[in-house]
N, C-alpha and C. Protein backbone atom coordinates (compact mmCIF):
# COMPACT_ATOMS: atom_id res chain seq x y z
N ARG A 1 3.66 -17.76 -22.20
CA ARG A 1 3.71 -16.98 -20.97
C ARG A 1 2.66 -15.87 -20.99
N GLN A 2 2.41 -15.30 -22.16
CA GLN A 2 1.42 -14.23 -22.27
C GLN A 2 0.01 -14.73 -22.00
N ARG A 3 -0.24 -16.04 -22.20
CA ARG A 3 -1.58 -16.57 -21.98
C ARG A 3 -1.85 -16.92 -20.53
N GLN A 4 -0.82 -16.96 -19.71
CA GLN A 4 -0.97 -17.31 -18.30
C GLN A 4 -2.01 -16.44 -17.59
N PRO A 5 -1.96 -15.11 -17.71
CA PRO A 5 -2.98 -14.29 -17.05
C PRO A 5 -4.39 -14.55 -17.55
N LEU A 6 -4.54 -14.81 -18.85
CA LEU A 6 -5.87 -15.10 -19.40
C LEU A 6 -6.44 -16.39 -18.83
N ARG A 7 -5.59 -17.40 -18.69
CA ARG A 7 -6.04 -18.66 -18.09
C ARG A 7 -6.44 -18.44 -16.64
N ALA A 8 -5.66 -17.64 -15.91
CA ALA A 8 -5.98 -17.36 -14.51
C ALA A 8 -7.29 -16.58 -14.39
N GLU A 9 -7.50 -15.63 -15.30
CA GLU A 9 -8.76 -14.87 -15.31
C GLU A 9 -9.94 -15.82 -15.57
N GLY A 10 -9.71 -16.83 -16.43
CA GLY A 10 -10.74 -17.82 -16.72
C GLY A 10 -11.13 -18.62 -15.49
N VAL A 11 -10.15 -18.96 -14.66
CA VAL A 11 -10.43 -19.68 -13.42
C VAL A 11 -11.26 -18.80 -12.49
N LEU A 12 -10.91 -17.54 -12.41
CA LEU A 12 -11.67 -16.62 -11.56
C LEU A 12 -13.11 -16.48 -12.06
N ALA A 13 -13.29 -16.44 -13.37
CA ALA A 13 -14.64 -16.36 -13.94
C ALA A 13 -15.45 -17.62 -13.59
N LEU A 14 -14.81 -18.78 -13.66
CA LEU A 14 -15.49 -20.02 -13.28
C LEU A 14 -15.89 -20.01 -11.80
N MET A 15 -15.03 -19.46 -10.97
CA MET A 15 -15.34 -19.35 -9.54
C MET A 15 -16.56 -18.46 -9.32
N ARG A 16 -16.61 -17.36 -10.06
CA ARG A 16 -17.77 -16.46 -9.93
C ARG A 16 -19.06 -17.16 -10.36
N GLU A 17 -19.00 -17.89 -11.47
CA GLU A 17 -20.16 -18.63 -11.95
C GLU A 17 -20.65 -19.63 -10.91
N ALA A 18 -19.71 -20.27 -10.23
CA ALA A 18 -20.05 -21.27 -9.22
C ALA A 18 -20.35 -20.63 -7.86
N ARG A 19 -20.33 -19.31 -7.83
CA ARG A 19 -20.57 -18.55 -6.60
C ARG A 19 -19.59 -18.91 -5.48
N VAL A 20 -18.35 -19.13 -5.90
CA VAL A 20 -17.27 -19.40 -4.96
C VAL A 20 -16.49 -18.11 -4.76
N ARG A 21 -16.40 -17.68 -3.51
CA ARG A 21 -15.68 -16.44 -3.19
C ARG A 21 -14.18 -16.69 -3.25
N PRO A 22 -13.46 -15.90 -4.04
CA PRO A 22 -12.01 -16.11 -4.10
C PRO A 22 -11.35 -15.71 -2.77
N THR A 23 -10.26 -16.36 -2.49
CA THR A 23 -9.48 -16.03 -1.31
C THR A 23 -8.38 -15.05 -1.71
N LEU A 24 -7.68 -14.53 -0.74
CA LEU A 24 -6.55 -13.65 -1.04
C LEU A 24 -5.48 -14.43 -1.80
N VAL A 25 -5.33 -15.70 -1.48
CA VAL A 25 -4.35 -16.53 -2.20
C VAL A 25 -4.71 -16.60 -3.68
N THR A 26 -5.98 -16.79 -3.98
CA THR A 26 -6.45 -16.84 -5.37
C THR A 26 -6.15 -15.53 -6.09
N LEU A 27 -6.51 -14.42 -5.44
CA LEU A 27 -6.31 -13.11 -6.07
C LEU A 27 -4.83 -12.76 -6.20
N ASN A 28 -4.02 -13.17 -5.21
CA ASN A 28 -2.57 -12.96 -5.32
C ASN A 28 -1.99 -13.75 -6.49
N ALA A 29 -2.47 -14.98 -6.68
CA ALA A 29 -2.00 -15.80 -7.81
C ALA A 29 -2.35 -15.14 -9.14
N LEU A 30 -3.56 -14.62 -9.23
CA LEU A 30 -3.97 -13.94 -10.45
C LEU A 30 -3.14 -12.67 -10.66
N ALA A 31 -2.93 -11.91 -9.59
CA ALA A 31 -2.11 -10.70 -9.70
C ALA A 31 -0.68 -11.06 -10.12
N SER A 32 -0.15 -12.14 -9.56
CA SER A 32 1.21 -12.56 -9.92
C SER A 32 1.30 -12.98 -11.39
N ALA A 33 0.23 -13.59 -11.91
CA ALA A 33 0.22 -13.96 -13.32
C ALA A 33 0.32 -12.70 -14.19
N HIS A 34 -0.42 -11.67 -13.84
CA HIS A 34 -0.34 -10.41 -14.59
C HIS A 34 1.01 -9.74 -14.38
N ALA A 35 1.52 -9.81 -13.16
CA ALA A 35 2.82 -9.19 -12.86
C ALA A 35 3.95 -9.85 -13.63
N SER A 36 3.85 -11.16 -13.84
CA SER A 36 4.92 -11.88 -14.52
C SER A 36 5.12 -11.39 -15.96
N VAL A 37 4.08 -10.82 -16.54
CA VAL A 37 4.21 -10.27 -17.90
C VAL A 37 4.29 -8.74 -17.87
N GLY A 38 4.42 -8.17 -16.67
CA GLY A 38 4.61 -6.73 -16.54
C GLY A 38 3.36 -5.90 -16.72
N ASP A 39 2.20 -6.48 -16.49
CA ASP A 39 0.94 -5.74 -16.65
C ASP A 39 0.57 -5.08 -15.31
N MET A 40 1.10 -3.88 -15.12
CA MET A 40 0.89 -3.16 -13.85
C MET A 40 -0.57 -2.81 -13.63
N ASP A 41 -1.25 -2.38 -14.68
CA ASP A 41 -2.65 -1.98 -14.54
C ASP A 41 -3.53 -3.15 -14.09
N ALA A 42 -3.35 -4.31 -14.70
CA ALA A 42 -4.16 -5.48 -14.32
C ALA A 42 -3.80 -5.95 -12.92
N THR A 43 -2.52 -5.89 -12.57
CA THR A 43 -2.10 -6.28 -11.22
C THR A 43 -2.76 -5.37 -10.19
N GLU A 44 -2.74 -4.06 -10.45
CA GLU A 44 -3.40 -3.10 -9.55
C GLU A 44 -4.91 -3.35 -9.48
N ARG A 45 -5.50 -3.63 -10.63
CA ARG A 45 -6.96 -3.86 -10.68
C ARG A 45 -7.35 -5.05 -9.81
N ILE A 46 -6.64 -6.15 -9.96
CA ILE A 46 -6.96 -7.36 -9.20
C ILE A 46 -6.77 -7.12 -7.71
N LEU A 47 -5.67 -6.50 -7.32
CA LEU A 47 -5.43 -6.28 -5.89
C LEU A 47 -6.34 -5.18 -5.35
N GLY A 48 -6.76 -4.26 -6.21
CA GLY A 48 -7.76 -3.27 -5.80
C GLY A 48 -9.09 -3.95 -5.47
N GLN A 49 -9.46 -4.95 -6.29
CA GLN A 49 -10.67 -5.73 -6.01
C GLN A 49 -10.52 -6.49 -4.70
N ALA A 50 -9.32 -6.99 -4.45
CA ALA A 50 -9.09 -7.75 -3.22
C ALA A 50 -9.37 -6.88 -1.99
N THR A 51 -8.95 -5.61 -2.06
CA THR A 51 -9.14 -4.74 -0.89
C THR A 51 -10.52 -4.12 -0.82
N THR A 52 -11.13 -3.84 -1.96
CA THR A 52 -12.43 -3.17 -1.93
C THR A 52 -13.59 -4.15 -1.95
N ALA A 53 -13.68 -4.97 -2.97
CA ALA A 53 -14.83 -5.87 -3.11
C ALA A 53 -14.80 -7.01 -2.09
N PHE A 54 -13.60 -7.50 -1.78
CA PHE A 54 -13.50 -8.66 -0.90
C PHE A 54 -12.97 -8.31 0.50
N ARG A 55 -12.57 -7.06 0.69
CA ARG A 55 -12.13 -6.55 1.99
C ARG A 55 -10.94 -7.31 2.60
N PHE A 56 -10.01 -7.71 1.74
CA PHE A 56 -8.79 -8.34 2.22
C PHE A 56 -7.74 -7.26 2.47
N SER A 57 -6.83 -7.53 3.39
CA SER A 57 -5.66 -6.69 3.56
C SER A 57 -4.54 -7.31 2.74
N LEU A 58 -3.81 -6.48 2.03
CA LEU A 58 -2.72 -7.00 1.20
C LEU A 58 -1.63 -7.57 2.09
N ASP A 59 -1.00 -8.65 1.62
CA ASP A 59 0.09 -9.27 2.36
C ASP A 59 1.38 -9.17 1.55
N HIS A 60 2.43 -9.84 2.02
CA HIS A 60 3.71 -9.70 1.32
C HIS A 60 3.66 -10.30 -0.09
N TYR A 61 2.80 -11.29 -0.35
CA TYR A 61 2.65 -11.82 -1.70
C TYR A 61 1.99 -10.78 -2.62
N SER A 62 1.03 -10.04 -2.08
CA SER A 62 0.36 -8.99 -2.85
C SER A 62 1.37 -7.93 -3.27
N PHE A 63 2.18 -7.48 -2.30
CA PHE A 63 3.16 -6.44 -2.61
C PHE A 63 4.26 -6.97 -3.52
N ALA A 64 4.60 -8.25 -3.39
CA ALA A 64 5.59 -8.84 -4.30
C ALA A 64 5.07 -8.78 -5.73
N ALA A 65 3.79 -9.04 -5.92
CA ALA A 65 3.21 -8.96 -7.27
C ALA A 65 3.28 -7.54 -7.80
N LEU A 66 2.95 -6.56 -6.96
CA LEU A 66 3.02 -5.17 -7.40
C LEU A 66 4.44 -4.77 -7.79
N PHE A 67 5.43 -5.15 -6.97
CA PHE A 67 6.83 -4.81 -7.29
C PHE A 67 7.28 -5.54 -8.54
N GLN A 68 6.85 -6.81 -8.68
CA GLN A 68 7.22 -7.58 -9.86
C GLN A 68 6.63 -6.95 -11.12
N ALA A 69 5.40 -6.49 -11.04
CA ALA A 69 4.78 -5.84 -12.21
C ALA A 69 5.57 -4.60 -12.61
N CYS A 70 5.99 -3.82 -11.64
CA CYS A 70 6.80 -2.63 -11.94
C CYS A 70 8.13 -3.01 -12.56
N ALA A 71 8.78 -4.00 -11.99
CA ALA A 71 10.10 -4.41 -12.47
C ALA A 71 10.02 -5.04 -13.87
N ASN A 72 8.92 -5.73 -14.17
CA ASN A 72 8.79 -6.44 -15.45
C ASN A 72 8.17 -5.60 -16.56
N ASP A 73 7.68 -4.42 -16.25
CA ASP A 73 7.04 -3.59 -17.27
C ASP A 73 8.10 -2.83 -18.06
N GLU A 74 8.82 -3.56 -18.87
CA GLU A 74 9.94 -2.97 -19.61
C GLU A 74 9.51 -1.98 -20.69
N ASP A 75 8.36 -2.23 -21.31
CA ASP A 75 7.96 -1.36 -22.41
C ASP A 75 7.08 -0.20 -21.98
N GLY A 76 6.77 -0.12 -20.69
CA GLY A 76 5.96 0.99 -20.20
C GLY A 76 4.49 0.86 -20.51
N ALA A 77 4.06 -0.32 -20.96
CA ALA A 77 2.66 -0.50 -21.36
C ALA A 77 1.70 -0.28 -20.21
N GLY A 78 2.08 -0.73 -19.03
CA GLY A 78 1.18 -0.57 -17.89
C GLY A 78 1.36 0.73 -17.17
N ALA A 79 2.26 1.53 -17.61
CA ALA A 79 2.56 2.77 -16.93
C ALA A 79 2.00 3.97 -17.68
N GLY A 80 0.96 3.74 -18.46
CA GLY A 80 0.39 4.84 -19.23
C GLY A 80 1.43 5.44 -20.16
N ARG A 81 2.32 4.59 -20.63
CA ARG A 81 3.41 5.01 -21.52
C ARG A 81 4.35 6.00 -20.84
N GLY A 82 4.33 6.03 -19.52
CA GLY A 82 5.20 6.93 -18.78
C GLY A 82 6.60 6.40 -18.59
N GLY A 83 6.81 5.14 -18.93
CA GLY A 83 8.14 4.56 -18.90
C GLY A 83 8.69 4.33 -17.51
N ARG A 84 10.01 4.34 -17.46
CA ARG A 84 10.73 4.01 -16.22
C ARG A 84 10.34 4.90 -15.05
N ARG A 85 10.22 6.17 -15.28
CA ARG A 85 9.89 7.10 -14.19
C ARG A 85 8.53 6.77 -13.57
N GLU A 86 7.54 6.49 -14.41
CA GLU A 86 6.22 6.12 -13.92
C GLU A 86 6.26 4.81 -13.14
N ARG A 87 7.01 3.84 -13.63
CA ARG A 87 7.16 2.56 -12.91
C ARG A 87 7.75 2.79 -11.54
N GLN A 88 8.78 3.62 -11.48
CA GLN A 88 9.44 3.88 -10.20
C GLN A 88 8.52 4.65 -9.25
N GLN A 89 7.73 5.58 -9.77
CA GLN A 89 6.78 6.31 -8.93
C GLN A 89 5.74 5.37 -8.34
N ARG A 90 5.24 4.47 -9.16
CA ARG A 90 4.27 3.49 -8.65
C ARG A 90 4.93 2.59 -7.60
N ALA A 91 6.14 2.16 -7.88
CA ALA A 91 6.84 1.30 -6.92
C ALA A 91 7.04 2.03 -5.59
N ARG A 92 7.38 3.31 -5.65
CA ARG A 92 7.52 4.11 -4.41
C ARG A 92 6.19 4.13 -3.64
N ARG A 93 5.10 4.33 -4.36
CA ARG A 93 3.79 4.37 -3.72
C ARG A 93 3.46 3.03 -3.07
N TYR A 94 3.79 1.93 -3.75
CA TYR A 94 3.53 0.61 -3.19
C TYR A 94 4.38 0.35 -1.94
N VAL A 95 5.64 0.77 -1.97
CA VAL A 95 6.51 0.57 -0.81
C VAL A 95 5.96 1.34 0.39
N LEU A 96 5.60 2.59 0.17
CA LEU A 96 5.05 3.39 1.27
C LEU A 96 3.76 2.78 1.81
N GLN A 97 2.92 2.29 0.91
CA GLN A 97 1.68 1.64 1.33
C GLN A 97 1.99 0.38 2.14
N MET A 98 2.98 -0.37 1.71
CA MET A 98 3.36 -1.60 2.41
C MET A 98 3.86 -1.28 3.81
N TRP A 99 4.76 -0.32 3.93
CA TRP A 99 5.28 0.04 5.24
C TRP A 99 4.17 0.57 6.14
N SER A 100 3.28 1.37 5.59
CA SER A 100 2.18 1.93 6.38
C SER A 100 1.22 0.84 6.87
N SER A 101 1.08 -0.21 6.07
CA SER A 101 0.15 -1.28 6.46
C SER A 101 0.78 -2.26 7.44
N GLY A 102 2.09 -2.15 7.67
CA GLY A 102 2.75 -3.03 8.63
C GLY A 102 3.28 -4.32 8.05
N VAL A 103 3.24 -4.48 6.73
CA VAL A 103 3.80 -5.68 6.11
C VAL A 103 5.32 -5.56 6.15
N ALA A 104 5.97 -6.60 6.64
CA ALA A 104 7.42 -6.59 6.80
C ALA A 104 8.12 -6.74 5.45
N MET A 105 9.25 -6.08 5.32
CA MET A 105 10.07 -6.17 4.11
C MET A 105 10.94 -7.42 4.21
N THR A 106 10.53 -8.48 3.56
CA THR A 106 11.32 -9.71 3.54
C THR A 106 12.45 -9.56 2.53
N GLU A 107 13.38 -10.48 2.55
CA GLU A 107 14.50 -10.41 1.60
C GLU A 107 13.99 -10.53 0.16
N ARG A 108 13.01 -11.41 -0.07
CA ARG A 108 12.44 -11.56 -1.42
C ARG A 108 11.81 -10.24 -1.87
N LEU A 109 11.05 -9.62 -0.99
CA LEU A 109 10.43 -8.34 -1.33
C LEU A 109 11.49 -7.28 -1.61
N ALA A 110 12.53 -7.26 -0.80
CA ALA A 110 13.58 -6.25 -0.96
C ALA A 110 14.25 -6.39 -2.33
N ILE A 111 14.50 -7.61 -2.75
CA ILE A 111 15.15 -7.83 -4.06
C ILE A 111 14.26 -7.31 -5.18
N THR A 112 12.98 -7.70 -5.14
CA THR A 112 12.05 -7.28 -6.19
C THR A 112 11.82 -5.77 -6.13
N CYS A 113 11.75 -5.26 -4.91
CA CYS A 113 11.53 -3.82 -4.72
C CYS A 113 12.70 -3.00 -5.27
N ARG A 114 13.92 -3.45 -5.01
CA ARG A 114 15.09 -2.74 -5.54
C ARG A 114 15.07 -2.72 -7.07
N ARG A 115 14.66 -3.83 -7.67
CA ARG A 115 14.54 -3.88 -9.14
C ARG A 115 13.51 -2.86 -9.62
N ALA A 116 12.39 -2.79 -8.92
CA ALA A 116 11.31 -1.88 -9.33
C ALA A 116 11.69 -0.43 -9.13
N LEU A 117 12.41 -0.14 -8.05
CA LEU A 117 12.78 1.25 -7.74
C LEU A 117 14.02 1.72 -8.50
N GLY A 118 14.83 0.80 -8.96
CA GLY A 118 16.02 1.19 -9.69
C GLY A 118 17.29 1.06 -8.88
N GLY A 119 17.28 0.30 -7.79
CA GLY A 119 18.51 0.04 -7.07
C GLY A 119 18.39 0.18 -5.56
N THR A 120 19.45 -0.27 -4.90
CA THR A 120 19.51 -0.25 -3.44
C THR A 120 19.47 1.16 -2.89
N HIS A 121 20.17 2.07 -3.54
CA HIS A 121 20.20 3.45 -3.07
C HIS A 121 18.80 4.06 -3.02
N ALA A 122 18.01 3.80 -4.03
CA ALA A 122 16.64 4.35 -4.08
C ALA A 122 15.80 3.81 -2.93
N LEU A 123 15.95 2.53 -2.61
CA LEU A 123 15.20 1.95 -1.50
C LEU A 123 15.65 2.53 -0.17
N ARG A 124 16.96 2.68 0.02
CA ARG A 124 17.47 3.28 1.27
C ARG A 124 17.01 4.72 1.42
N GLN A 125 17.05 5.47 0.34
CA GLN A 125 16.62 6.87 0.38
C GLN A 125 15.13 6.96 0.72
N LEU A 126 14.32 6.09 0.12
CA LEU A 126 12.89 6.09 0.40
C LEU A 126 12.63 5.73 1.86
N ARG A 127 13.38 4.78 2.40
CA ARG A 127 13.21 4.40 3.81
C ARG A 127 13.58 5.57 4.72
N ALA A 128 14.63 6.27 4.40
CA ALA A 128 15.03 7.43 5.21
C ALA A 128 13.94 8.51 5.17
N GLU A 129 13.38 8.76 3.99
CA GLU A 129 12.30 9.75 3.87
C GLU A 129 11.07 9.31 4.66
N TYR A 130 10.73 8.03 4.57
CA TYR A 130 9.57 7.50 5.29
C TYR A 130 9.77 7.63 6.81
N ASP A 131 10.95 7.22 7.28
CA ASP A 131 11.23 7.30 8.72
C ASP A 131 11.20 8.74 9.20
N ALA A 132 11.73 9.66 8.41
CA ALA A 132 11.73 11.07 8.79
C ALA A 132 10.31 11.62 8.85
N SER A 133 9.47 11.24 7.90
CA SER A 133 8.09 11.75 7.92
C SER A 133 7.32 11.16 9.09
N ARG A 134 7.58 9.91 9.44
CA ARG A 134 6.91 9.29 10.60
C ARG A 134 7.36 9.96 11.89
N ALA A 135 8.65 10.27 11.99
CA ALA A 135 9.16 10.92 13.19
C ALA A 135 8.56 12.32 13.33
N LYS A 136 8.46 13.03 12.21
CA LYS A 136 7.88 14.37 12.23
C LYS A 136 6.41 14.31 12.64
N ALA A 137 5.67 13.34 12.11
CA ALA A 137 4.26 13.21 12.44
C ALA A 137 4.07 12.85 13.91
N SER A 138 4.94 12.01 14.44
CA SER A 138 4.83 11.61 15.84
C SER A 138 5.18 12.75 16.78
N ALA A 139 6.04 13.65 16.33
CA ALA A 139 6.46 14.76 17.18
C ALA A 139 5.45 15.90 17.18
N ALA A 140 4.62 15.95 16.17
CA ALA A 140 3.63 17.02 16.08
C ALA A 140 2.55 16.81 17.13
N VAL A 141 2.35 17.78 17.97
CA VAL A 141 1.32 17.67 19.00
C VAL A 141 0.41 18.88 18.94
N THR A 142 -0.81 18.63 19.31
CA THR A 142 -1.78 19.71 19.40
C THR A 142 -2.17 19.83 20.86
N VAL A 143 -2.11 21.02 21.39
CA VAL A 143 -2.45 21.23 22.79
C VAL A 143 -3.78 21.94 22.84
N ARG A 144 -4.73 21.34 23.58
CA ARG A 144 -6.05 21.95 23.73
C ARG A 144 -6.41 21.99 25.20
N SER A 145 -7.04 23.07 25.61
CA SER A 145 -7.52 23.19 26.99
C SER A 145 -8.98 22.77 27.02
N PRO A 146 -9.41 22.20 28.15
CA PRO A 146 -10.82 21.86 28.25
C PRO A 146 -11.66 23.13 28.30
N PRO A 147 -12.95 23.04 27.92
CA PRO A 147 -13.79 24.24 27.96
C PRO A 147 -13.90 24.76 29.38
N ALA A 148 -13.93 26.08 29.49
CA ALA A 148 -14.03 26.70 30.82
C ALA A 148 -15.43 26.50 31.38
N SER A 149 -15.47 26.15 32.64
CA SER A 149 -16.77 26.09 33.31
C SER A 149 -16.59 26.81 34.63
N GLY A 150 -17.36 27.77 34.85
CA GLY A 150 -17.26 28.56 36.08
C GLY A 150 -18.64 29.00 36.50
N PRO A 151 -18.69 29.75 37.57
CA PRO A 151 -19.98 30.20 38.07
C PRO A 151 -20.78 30.96 37.03
N GLU A 152 -20.08 31.68 36.16
CA GLU A 152 -20.79 32.45 35.14
C GLU A 152 -21.43 31.55 34.09
N ASN A 153 -20.95 30.32 33.95
CA ASN A 153 -21.51 29.37 32.99
C ASN A 153 -22.43 28.35 33.66
N GLY A 154 -22.79 28.59 34.89
CA GLY A 154 -23.67 27.69 35.62
C GLY A 154 -22.95 26.51 36.23
N GLY A 155 -21.65 26.53 36.25
CA GLY A 155 -20.90 25.41 36.81
C GLY A 155 -20.13 25.85 38.03
N GLU A 156 -19.24 25.00 38.45
CA GLU A 156 -18.40 25.30 39.61
C GLU A 156 -17.18 26.07 39.17
N ALA A 157 -16.43 26.50 40.12
CA ALA A 157 -15.18 27.19 39.83
C ALA A 157 -14.29 26.25 39.03
N PRO A 158 -13.54 26.77 38.09
CA PRO A 158 -12.73 25.90 37.26
C PRO A 158 -11.68 25.15 38.08
N ALA A 159 -11.45 23.93 37.66
CA ALA A 159 -10.39 23.13 38.28
C ALA A 159 -9.07 23.68 37.78
N PRO A 160 -7.98 23.31 38.44
CA PRO A 160 -6.68 23.75 37.93
C PRO A 160 -6.55 23.36 36.45
N SER A 161 -5.92 24.21 35.69
CA SER A 161 -5.81 24.01 34.25
C SER A 161 -5.21 22.65 33.92
N ARG A 162 -5.85 21.97 33.00
CA ARG A 162 -5.36 20.67 32.51
C ARG A 162 -5.17 20.79 31.00
N LEU A 163 -4.18 20.11 30.51
CA LEU A 163 -3.91 20.11 29.06
C LEU A 163 -4.09 18.71 28.53
N SER A 164 -4.70 18.63 27.38
CA SER A 164 -4.82 17.36 26.69
C SER A 164 -3.87 17.39 25.49
N ILE A 165 -3.07 16.39 25.39
CA ILE A 165 -2.13 16.35 24.28
C ILE A 165 -2.52 15.18 23.39
N PHE A 166 -2.71 15.46 22.12
CA PHE A 166 -3.08 14.43 21.15
C PHE A 166 -1.92 14.28 20.17
N MET A 167 -1.48 13.08 20.02
CA MET A 167 -0.39 12.82 19.08
C MET A 167 -0.94 12.70 17.67
N ALA A 168 -0.32 13.35 16.75
CA ALA A 168 -0.71 13.23 15.34
C ALA A 168 0.05 12.04 14.75
N ILE A 169 -0.69 11.08 14.31
CA ILE A 169 -0.05 9.87 13.77
C ILE A 169 -0.34 9.75 12.31
């Protein structure tokens, strides 16, 4: 099982040699191979390449790999030796990123996510915090008046005051 990620990395290297551009499916498979052995750093590295070098948007398989890596990292090796707390912090960051990107929480994702976060309560609490922060951001408005233009500025008399409201999202 430990050799699975190395074999997958070998396939990716062969693709590079042949100048074949990997797809998101290819990179998700490689990330999942690393996640299956709990290698959070390698899983993040592969999916980071997917978004930066190849300009893919992560999908539910990508996030499943991230949650699986957190849940399977029992010895804390991928968490900078930070242990359970570090794994849970990373999992929280991935969940927030997933929700922000619009990827739906499927039942499979929810199961893996709960394992990574440490239980159903943690996931519910995180969702409540996320929803509250989104509501607060949507309610925040900035009111600005248009610049004054009048005879003293070489323009016409000002029109009745208008307000522009911009929603902070």
